[in-house]
C-alpha atoms as a PDB file:
ATOM      1  CA  MET A   1     117.043  62.154 305.788  1.00  0.00           C
ATOM      2  CA  ASN A   2     116.662  60.927 309.219  1.00  0.00           C
ATOM      3  CA  PRO A   3     115.931  63.702 311.277  1.00  0.00           C
ATOM      4  CA  GLU A   4     117.109  61.976 314.336  1.00  0.00           C
ATOM      5  CA  LEU A   5     120.116  60.949 312.921  1.00  0.00           C
ATOM      6  CA  ILE A   6     120.819  65.246 311.574  1.00  0.00           C
ATOM      7  CA  ASP A   7     120.087  65.757 315.171  1.00  0.00           C
ATOM      8  CA  SER A   8     122.364  63.440 316.982  1.00  0.00           C
ATOM      9  CA  LEU A   9     125.109  65.106 314.315  1.00  0.00           C
ATOM     10  CA  SER A  10     124.094  68.617 315.669  1.00  0.00           C
ATOM     11  CA  SER A  11     127.184  69.368 317.918  1.00  0.00           C
ATOM     12  CA  GLN A  12     129.188  68.853 315.362  1.00  0.00           C
ATOM     13  CA  LEU A  13     127.763  71.379 312.645  1.00  0.00           C
ATOM     14  CA  GLY A  14     128.447  74.794 312.444  1.00  0.00           C
ATOM     15  CA  ALA A  15     126.035  77.944 311.948  1.00  0.00           C
ATOM     16  CA  ASN A  16     125.760  76.624 308.457  1.00  0.00           C
ATOM     17  CA  GLY A  17     124.642  73.626 309.039  1.00  0.00           C
ATOM     18  CA  LEU A  18     127.674  71.613 307.553  1.00  0.00           C
ATOM     19  CA  PRO A  19     130.733  69.633 309.925  1.00  0.00           C
ATOM     20  CA  TYR A  20     132.832  72.458 307.894  1.00  0.00           C
ATOM     21  CA  ALA A  21     132.914  76.461 307.773  1.00  0.00           C
ATOM     22  CA  ILE A  22     132.594  76.759 303.589  1.00  0.00           C
ATOM     23  CA  PRO A  23     129.867  75.016 301.852  1.00  0.00           C
ATOM     24  CA  ILE A  24     131.719  72.680 299.145  1.00  0.00           C
ATOM     25  CA  HIS A  25     128.843  72.177 296.606  1.00  0.00           C
ATOM     26  CA  PRO A  26     128.603  75.779 295.743  1.00  0.00           C
ATOM     27  CA  ASN A  27     132.541  76.179 295.192  1.00  0.00           C
ATOM     28  CA  LEU A  28     132.796  73.263 293.095  1.00  0.00           C
ATOM     29  CA  VAL A  29     129.529  74.337 290.969  1.00  0.00           C
ATOM     30  CA  HIS A  30     131.914  77.422 289.894  1.00  0.00           C
ATOM     31  CA  LEU A  31     134.384  75.385 288.601  1.00  0.00           C
ATOM     32  CA  THR A  32     131.712  73.217 286.614  1.00  0.00           C
ATOM     33  CA  LEU A  33     130.232  76.140 285.048  1.00  0.00           C
ATOM     34  CA  GLY A  34     133.910  77.864 284.848  1.00  0.00           C
ATOM     35  CA  LEU A  35     135.264  74.827 283.003  1.00  0.00           C
ATOM     36  CA  PHE A  36     132.189  73.929 280.527  1.00  0.00           C
ATOM     37  CA  ILE A  37     131.625  77.683 279.734  1.00  0.00           C
ATOM     38  CA  ILE A  38     135.405  78.430 278.634  1.00  0.00           C
ATOM     39  CA  GLY A  39     135.302  74.949 277.030  1.00  0.00           C
ATOM     40  CA  ILE A  40     132.275  76.282 274.894  1.00  0.00           C
ATOM     41  CA  ALA A  41     133.942  79.080 274.110  1.00  0.00           C
ATOM     42  CA  PHE A  42     137.023  78.817 272.613  1.00  0.00           C
ATOM     43  CA  ASP A  43     135.346  76.375 270.460  1.00  0.00           C
ATOM     44  CA  ILE A  44     133.162  79.367 269.637  1.00  0.00           C
ATOM     45  CA  VAL A  45     136.464  81.119 268.584  1.00  0.00           C
ATOM     46  CA  GLY A  46     138.394  77.938 267.225  1.00  0.00           C
ATOM     47  CA  VAL A  47     134.718  77.806 265.061  1.00  0.00           C
ATOM     48  CA  LEU A  48     134.940  81.834 263.873  1.00  0.00           C
ATOM     49  CA  PHE A  49     138.526  82.009 263.836  1.00  0.00           C
ATOM     50  CA  PRO A  50     139.478  82.838 260.190  1.00  0.00           C
ATOM     51  CA  LEU A  51     136.791  85.893 260.822  1.00  0.00           C
ATOM     52  CA  GLU A  52     138.589  86.601 263.915  1.00  0.00           C
ATOM     53  CA  LYS A  53     142.248  86.058 262.490  1.00  0.00           C
ATOM     54  CA  PRO A  54     143.364  89.766 262.037  1.00  0.00           C
ATOM     55  CA  VAL A  55     142.200  90.948 265.298  1.00  0.00           C
ATOM     56  CA  PHE A  56     144.497  88.293 266.653  1.00  0.00           C
ATOM     57  CA  LYS A  57     147.422  89.888 264.295  1.00  0.00           C
ATOM     58  CA  PHE A  58     146.363  93.256 264.987  1.00  0.00           C
ATOM     59  CA  LEU A  59     146.639  92.458 268.873  1.00  0.00           C
ATOM     60  CA  ALA A  60     149.998  90.340 268.053  1.00  0.00           C
ATOM     61  CA  ILE A  61     148.289  87.131 270.070  1.00  0.00           C
ATOM     62  CA  ALA A  62     150.675  84.291 268.635  1.00  0.00           C
ATOM     63  CA  THR A  63     147.018  81.805 268.270  1.00  0.00           C
ATOM     64  CA  THR A  64     146.347  78.720 266.123  1.00  0.00           C
ATOM     65  CA  ARG A  65     143.204  77.648 265.492  1.00  0.00           C
ATOM     66  CA  SER A  66     143.939  73.769 266.806  1.00  0.00           C
ATOM     67  CA  ASN A  67     145.062  75.402 270.091  1.00  0.00           C
ATOM     68  CA  LEU A  68     141.522  76.904 270.367  1.00  0.00           C
ATOM     69  CA  PHE A  69     139.934  73.998 269.981  1.00  0.00           C
ATOM     70  CA  ASP A  70     142.747  72.305 272.202  1.00  0.00           C
ATOM     71  CA  VAL A  71     141.383  74.255 275.621  1.00  0.00           C
ATOM     72  CA  GLY A  72     137.687  73.742 274.911  1.00  0.00           C
ATOM     73  CA  TRP A  73     138.706  69.833 274.595  1.00  0.00           C
ATOM     74  CA  TYR A  74     140.433  69.808 277.528  1.00  0.00           C
ATOM     75  CA  ASN A  75     138.042  72.280 279.385  1.00  0.00           C
ATOM     76  CA  MET A  76     134.622  70.075 278.892  1.00  0.00           C
ATOM     77  CA  LEU A  77     137.024  66.983 280.140  1.00  0.00           C
ATOM     78  CA  ALA A  78     137.782  68.669 283.106  1.00  0.00           C
ATOM     79  CA  SER A  79     134.357  70.095 283.600  1.00  0.00           C
ATOM     80  CA  SER A  80     132.427  66.685 283.494  1.00  0.00           C
ATOM     81  CA  ILE A  81     135.421  65.166 285.883  1.00  0.00           C
ATOM     82  CA  ILE A  82     133.926  67.525 288.154  1.00  0.00           C
ATOM     83  CA  THR A  83     130.836  67.729 287.949  1.00  0.00           C
ATOM     84  CA  PHE A  84     130.867  64.683 289.568  1.00  0.00           C
ATOM     85  CA  PHE A  85     131.973  65.477 292.453  1.00  0.00           C
ATOM     86  CA  THR A  86     129.853  68.692 292.387  1.00  0.00           C
ATOM     87  CA  VAL A  87     126.785  66.605 292.294  1.00  0.00           C
ATOM     88  CA  ALA A  88     128.326  64.115 295.159  1.00  0.00           C
ATOM     89  CA  ALA A  89     128.611  67.375 296.977  1.00  0.00           C
ATOM     90  CA  GLY A  90     125.690  68.734 296.613  1.00  0.00           C
ATOM     91  CA  PHE A  91     123.679  65.767 297.953  1.00  0.00           C
ATOM     92  CA  TYR A  92     125.605  65.468 300.869  1.00  0.00           C
ATOM     93  CA  GLU A  93     125.292  68.530 301.683  1.00  0.00           C
ATOM     94  CA  ILE A  94     121.492  68.546 301.189  1.00  0.00           C
ATOM     95  CA  MET A  95     121.159  65.778 303.115  1.00  0.00           C
ATOM     96  CA  LEU A  96     121.793  68.103 306.156  1.00  0.00           C
ATOM     97  CA  ALA A  97     119.640  70.321 305.053  1.00  0.00           C
ATOM     98  CA  LYS A  98     116.865  71.791 307.472  1.00  0.00           C
ATOM     99  CA  PRO A  99     114.778  74.520 305.823  1.00  0.00           C
ATOM    100  CA  SER A 100     111.789  75.937 307.118  1.00  0.00           C
ATOM    101  CA  ALA A 101     108.536  74.580 305.357  1.00  0.00           C
ATOM    102  CA  GLU A 102     106.364  77.734 305.657  1.00  0.00           C
ATOM    103  CA  LEU A 103     108.500  79.544 303.170  1.00  0.00           C
ATOM    104  CA  LYS A 104     108.242  80.368 299.313  1.00  0.00           C
ATOM    105  CA  SER A 105     110.877  80.976 296.789  1.00  0.00           C
ATOM    106  CA  ALA A 106     110.243  83.481 294.145  1.00  0.00           C
ATOM    107  CA  TRP A 107     109.450  81.192 292.295  1.00  0.00           C
ATOM    108  CA  GLY A 108     106.020  79.770 294.527  1.00  0.00           C
ATOM    109  CA  LEU A 109     108.438  76.536 295.136  1.00  0.00           C
ATOM    110  CA  GLY A 110     108.448  75.463 298.342  1.00  0.00           C
ATOM    111  CA  ALA A 111     112.090  75.051 300.119  1.00  0.00           C
ATOM    112  CA  MET A 112     111.598  70.974 299.646  1.00  0.00           C
ATOM    113  CA  ASP A 113     110.404  71.325 295.589  1.00  0.00           C
ATOM    114  CA  THR A 114     113.195  73.343 295.312  1.00  0.00           C
ATOM    115  CA  MET A 115     115.632  71.115 296.597  1.00  0.00           C
ATOM    116  CA  MET A 116     114.052  67.970 294.925  1.00  0.00           C
ATOM    117  CA  TRP A 117     114.025  69.873 291.251  1.00  0.00           C
ATOM    118  CA  HIS A 118     117.243  71.109 292.034  1.00  0.00           C
ATOM    119  CA  GLY A 119     118.923  67.569 292.797  1.00  0.00           C
ATOM    120  CA  VAL A 120     117.300  66.187 290.074  1.00  0.00           C
ATOM    121  CA  GLY A 121     118.641  69.021 287.805  1.00  0.00           C
ATOM    122  CA  GLY A 122     121.672  67.859 288.665  1.00  0.00           C
ATOM    123  CA  VAL A 123     122.056  64.912 287.793  1.00  0.00           C
ATOM    124  CA  LEU A 124     120.579  65.377 284.309  1.00  0.00           C
ATOM    125  CA  LEU A 125     123.221  68.178 284.037  1.00  0.00           C
ATOM    126  CA  LEU A 126     125.785  65.656 284.496  1.00  0.00           C
ATOM    127  CA  ALA A 127     124.389  63.461 282.331  1.00  0.00           C
ATOM    128  CA  MET A 128     124.495  66.336 279.664  1.00  0.00           C
ATOM    129  CA  ILE A 129     128.030  67.344 280.547  1.00  0.00           C
ATOM    130  CA  VAL A 130     129.593  63.833 280.206  1.00  0.00           C
ATOM    131  CA  GLY A 131     127.319  63.166 276.958  1.00  0.00           C
ATOM    132  CA  MET A 132     128.517  66.062 275.764  1.00  0.00           C
ATOM    133  CA  THR A 133     132.155  65.675 276.262  1.00  0.00           C
ATOM    134  CA  VAL A 134     131.780  61.974 274.974  1.00  0.00           C
ATOM    135  CA  TRP A 135     130.665  63.411 271.773  1.00  0.00           C
ATOM    136  CA  ARG A 136     133.500  66.395 272.066  1.00  0.00           C
ATOM    137  CA  GLY A 137     135.752  63.520 272.038  1.00  0.00           C
ATOM    138  CA  PHE A 138     134.448  61.569 269.487  1.00  0.00           C
ATOM    139  CA  GLN A 139     134.662  65.257 267.022  1.00  0.00           C
ATOM    140  CA  ARG A 140     138.216  65.182 268.070  1.00  0.00           C
ATOM    141  CA  TYR A 141     139.389  62.282 267.916  1.00  0.00           C
ATOM    142  CA  VAL A 142     137.625  60.396 265.141  1.00  0.00           C
ATOM    143  CA  TRP A 143     134.515  61.740 263.136  1.00  0.00           C
ATOM    144  CA  ARG A 144     136.330  65.442 262.845  1.00  0.00           C
ATOM    145  CA  ASN A 145     140.269  64.473 263.489  1.00  0.00           C
ATOM    146  CA  ASP A 146     141.588  65.097 260.480  1.00  0.00           C
ATOM    147  CA  LYS A 147     139.559  68.461 259.507  1.00  0.00           C
ATOM    148  CA  ILE A 148     140.421  72.123 260.215  1.00  0.00           C
ATOM    149  CA  GLN A 149     137.259  72.805 262.373  1.00  0.00           C
ATOM    150  CA  GLN A 150     137.119  70.149 264.915  1.00  0.00           C
ATOM    151  CA  VAL A 151     133.823  70.695 266.331  1.00  0.00           C
ATOM    152  CA  GLN A 152     130.152  71.015 264.625  1.00  0.00           C
ATOM    153  CA  TRP A 153     127.626  73.220 264.620  1.00  0.00           C
ATOM    154  CA  SER A 154     124.565  71.144 265.961  1.00  0.00           C
ATOM    155  CA  TYR A 155     127.246  70.976 268.862  1.00  0.00           C
ATOM    156  CA  LEU A 156     127.846  74.450 269.719  1.00  0.00           C
ATOM    157  CA  ALA A 157     124.336  74.674 269.769  1.00  0.00           C
ATOM    158  CA  VAL A 158     123.566  72.357 272.327  1.00  0.00           C
ATOM    159  CA  ALA A 159     126.556  73.467 274.743  1.00  0.00           C
ATOM    160  CA  LEU A 160     124.520  77.036 274.160  1.00  0.00           C
ATOM    161  CA  VAL A 161     120.822  75.340 275.078  1.00  0.00           C
ATOM    162  CA  ILE A 162     122.891  73.645 278.158  1.00  0.00           C
ATOM    163  CA  MET A 163     123.719  76.923 279.370  1.00  0.00           C
ATOM    164  CA  PHE A 164     120.537  78.526 279.709  1.00  0.00           C
ATOM    165  CA  ILE A 165     119.393  74.791 281.538  1.00  0.00           C
ATOM    166  CA  MET A 166     122.465  75.909 284.098  1.00  0.00           C
ATOM    167  CA  TYR A 167     121.110  79.410 284.601  1.00  0.00           C
ATOM    168  CA  VAL A 168     117.908  77.981 285.201  1.00  0.00           C
ATOM    169  CA  HIS A 169     119.428  75.574 287.644  1.00  0.00           C
ATOM    170  CA  GLY A 170     121.501  77.808 288.793  1.00  0.00           C
ATOM    171  CA  THR A 171     118.698  80.093 289.729  1.00  0.00           C
ATOM    172  CA  LEU A 172     117.211  77.403 292.415  1.00  0.00           C
ATOM    173  CA  GLY A 173     120.449  76.496 293.821  1.00  0.00           C
ATOM    174  CA  ALA A 174     120.724  80.486 294.554  1.00  0.00           C
ATOM    175  CA  GLN A 175     117.332  80.911 295.894  1.00  0.00           C
ATOM    176  CA  LEU A 176     117.805  77.553 298.494  1.00  0.00           C
ATOM    177  CA  ALA A 177     120.836  79.340 300.286  1.00  0.00           C
ATOM    178  CA  ALA A 178     119.586  82.921 299.848  1.00  0.00           C
ATOM    179  CA  GLU A 179     115.805  82.420 300.094  1.00  0.00           C
ATOM    180  CA  PHE A 180     115.522  79.575 302.314  1.00  0.00           C
ATOM    181  CA  GLY A 181     118.929  79.880 304.260  1.00  0.00           C
ATOM    182  CA  VAL A 182     120.212  76.556 303.339  1.00  0.00           C
ATOM    183  CA  HIS A 183     123.788  76.382 304.206  1.00  0.00           C
ATOM    184  CA  ASN A 184     124.159  79.891 304.892  1.00  0.00           C
ATOM    185  CA  THR A 185     126.597  80.955 307.613  1.00  0.00           C
ATOM    186  CA  ALA A 186     124.850  84.328 308.319  1.00  0.00           C
ATOM    187  CA  ASP A 187     120.792  83.300 308.375  1.00  0.00           C
ATOM    188  CA  GLY A 188     121.957  80.459 310.340  1.00  0.00           C
ATOM    189  CA  LEU A 189     123.716  82.774 313.000  1.00  0.00           C
ATOM    190  CA  LEU A 190     120.337  85.120 312.970  1.00  0.00           C
ATOM    191  CA  GLN A 191     118.329  81.930 314.009  1.00  0.00           C
ATOM    192  CA  LEU A 192     120.375  80.731 316.997  1.00  0.00           C
ATOM    193  CA  GLY A 193     119.680  84.684 318.133  1.00  0.00           C
ATOM    194  CA  GLU A 194     123.491  85.904 317.722  1.00  0.00           C
ATOM    195  CA  ASN A 195     124.901  88.647 315.499  1.00  0.00           C
ATOM    196  CA  PRO A 196     126.520  87.575 312.073  1.00  0.00           C
ATOM    197  CA  ASN A 197     128.276  91.199 312.052  1.00  0.00           C
ATOM    198  CA  ALA A 198     129.480  90.363 315.666  1.00  0.00           C
ATOM    199  CA  VAL A 199     130.346  86.718 314.917  1.00  0.00           C
ATOM    200  CA  LEU A 200     131.885  86.645 311.981  1.00  0.00           C
ATOM    201  CA  LYS A 201     134.597  89.410 312.698  1.00  0.00           C
END
């Protein structure tokens, strides 16, 4: 991003370096993660339903296998939709970031490298989530629509790998905020010489 353009906007930016009080990207990230993980979790419960049926009966939870798969599908679909906004907000906010070039993360990466890997990873995760949603849709409506078990084991295995990638990717994002102070309000106030405890009461 052009530093002169950012400087011209500086009067409109808050202590967190954004034109609004709370960063949007980290909040949308929680929706992306939550929807994806819940979707996969319900699909796993649906696949293992015959083993869990006595537990549901004991707990007096009225459910059917198809209901569990419905929750899995709609959460995956919602995850793929919200992730477009998550990535877009991330790129907007990363363009306004001005981290210190001297600092290194716990992984030994500089701020620019961390932002680059986090940005590229975000786009790749978006592609993976959309791909998983398409795969899930084909299982639901085409390949396995007449079968009791709506999802394949391979789908669940790939989903678990993606969750691990999300963990690594999320750690990069956490390092941007915690170690480089990117869009961190308290960090921004400290750099301005102000006391966050007094300002943020």
